[in-house]
Amino acid sequence: MLNVKQKQYLKGLAHDLEPLVRIGDKGLTNSVIKEIEVNLKAHELLKIRIFGDERDARIKMIDEICQKSSCELVQHIGKLLVIYRQSEKKKISIPNK
């Protein structure tokens, strides 16, 4: 579980990232989950853009992504979200405090 300082640190790293995964009208399909998995393994920190105007549907999708990918939500602003999952070969050194 990330604390506030750790999330702030990751938000700073994610600021300049482009969304690598985009979720369209079909929603959270198996291929989208697979793409999220591939990118989390490669980068640990991932920015995702969710298209769709219904806020409640986006929030449900975010919960499902975090559950299925065993990742943590770092930030959710509008249609963008940032997630993090440490990989076996640690790429990002997160401060302890």
Protein backbone atom coordinates (compact mmCIF):
# COMPACT_ATOMS: atom_id res chain seq x y z
CA MET A 1 0.00 0.00 0.00
CA LEU A 2 1.43 3.34 -1.06
CA ASN A 3 1.45 6.24 1.36
CA VAL A 4 0.76 9.87 0.43
CA LYS A 5 4.43 10.79 -0.09
CA GLN A 6 5.00 7.78 -2.33
CA LYS A 7 1.94 8.63 -4.41
CA GLN A 8 3.15 12.22 -4.76
CA TYR A 9 6.52 10.95 -5.96
CA LEU A 10 4.89 8.66 -8.54
CA LYS A 11 2.56 11.46 -9.71
CA GLY A 12 5.65 13.54 -10.41
CA LEU A 13 7.17 10.74 -12.47
CA ALA A 14 3.91 10.19 -14.35
CA HIS A 15 3.40 13.87 -15.20
CA ASP A 16 5.28 13.71 -18.51
CA LEU A 17 4.11 10.22 -19.49
CA GLU A 18 1.81 9.71 -22.44
CA PRO A 19 -1.11 7.28 -22.00
CA LEU A 20 0.11 3.89 -23.25
CA VAL A 21 -3.29 2.23 -22.96
CA ARG A 22 -6.56 3.67 -24.20
CA ILE A 23 -9.90 2.17 -23.28
CA GLY A 24 -12.64 2.86 -25.83
CA ASP A 25 -16.32 2.13 -26.32
CA LYS A 26 -15.95 -1.63 -25.85
CA GLY A 27 -14.73 -1.07 -22.30
CA LEU A 28 -12.42 -3.31 -20.36
CA THR A 29 -11.91 -6.31 -22.63
CA ASN A 30 -9.48 -9.19 -22.12
CA SER A 31 -7.12 -7.66 -24.69
CA VAL A 32 -7.10 -4.37 -22.77
CA ILE A 33 -6.29 -6.19 -19.51
CA LYS A 34 -3.51 -8.06 -21.33
CA GLU A 35 -2.10 -4.76 -22.66
CA ILE A 36 -2.18 -3.27 -19.16
CA GLU A 37 -0.31 -6.31 -17.81
CA VAL A 38 2.36 -6.07 -20.51
CA ASN A 39 2.91 -2.36 -19.86
CA LEU A 40 2.98 -2.74 -16.07
CA LYS A 41 5.66 -5.41 -16.38
CA ALA A 42 7.68 -3.22 -18.72
CA HIS A 43 7.28 0.15 -16.98
CA GLU A 44 5.75 -0.33 -13.49
CA LEU A 45 4.08 3.09 -13.79
CA LEU A 46 1.34 3.41 -16.38
CA LYS A 47 -0.95 6.18 -17.57
CA ILE A 48 -4.29 5.11 -19.03
CA ARG A 49 -6.93 7.16 -20.85
CA ILE A 50 -10.54 6.02 -20.53
CA PHE A 51 -12.90 7.33 -23.18
CA GLY A 52 -16.52 7.65 -22.19
CA ASP A 53 -18.47 10.35 -20.43
CA GLU A 54 -20.10 8.37 -17.62
CA ARG A 55 -18.10 8.94 -14.46
CA ASP A 56 -19.61 6.01 -12.51
CA ALA A 57 -18.69 3.60 -15.30
CA ARG A 58 -15.09 4.91 -15.31
CA ILE A 59 -14.80 4.46 -11.54
CA LYS A 60 -16.06 0.86 -11.79
CA MET A 61 -13.56 0.26 -14.58
CA ILE A 62 -10.72 1.66 -12.47
CA ASP A 63 -11.64 -0.63 -9.57
CA GLU A 64 -11.74 -3.60 -11.94
CA ILE A 65 -8.35 -2.71 -13.45
CA CYS A 66 -6.74 -2.47 -10.01
CA GLN A 67 -8.29 -5.74 -8.90
CA LYS A 68 -7.44 -7.76 -12.03
CA SER A 69 -3.93 -6.34 -12.40
CA SER A 70 -3.05 -6.28 -8.69
CA CYS A 71 -1.92 -2.69 -9.03
CA GLU A 72 -2.46 0.48 -7.03
CA LEU A 73 -4.23 3.61 -8.17
CA VAL A 74 -1.85 6.55 -7.94
CA GLN A 75 -4.03 9.22 -9.49
CA HIS A 76 -7.40 9.65 -11.19
CA ILE A 77 -8.16 12.96 -12.88
CA GLY A 78 -11.09 13.02 -15.27
CA LYS A 79 -10.47 10.43 -17.97
CA LEU A 80 -6.82 9.84 -17.06
CA LEU A 81 -5.56 7.46 -14.45
CA VAL A 82 -2.13 6.47 -13.28
CA ILE A 83 -1.49 3.01 -11.83
CA TYR A 84 1.59 1.39 -10.32
CA ARG A 85 2.75 -2.14 -9.69
CA GLN A 86 6.29 -3.03 -8.73
CA SER A 87 7.80 -5.62 -11.03
CA GLU A 88 10.23 -8.38 -10.14
CA LYS A 89 13.04 -6.33 -11.66
CA LYS A 90 12.44 -3.10 -9.77
CA LYS A 91 12.73 -0.11 -12.11
CA ILE A 92 11.46 2.73 -9.92
CA SER A 93 12.97 3.44 -6.55
CA ILE A 94 10.20 4.80 -4.35
CA PRO A 95 11.10 6.71 -1.16
CA ASN A 96 10.14 4.89 2.05
CA LYS A 97 8.70 7.96 3.76
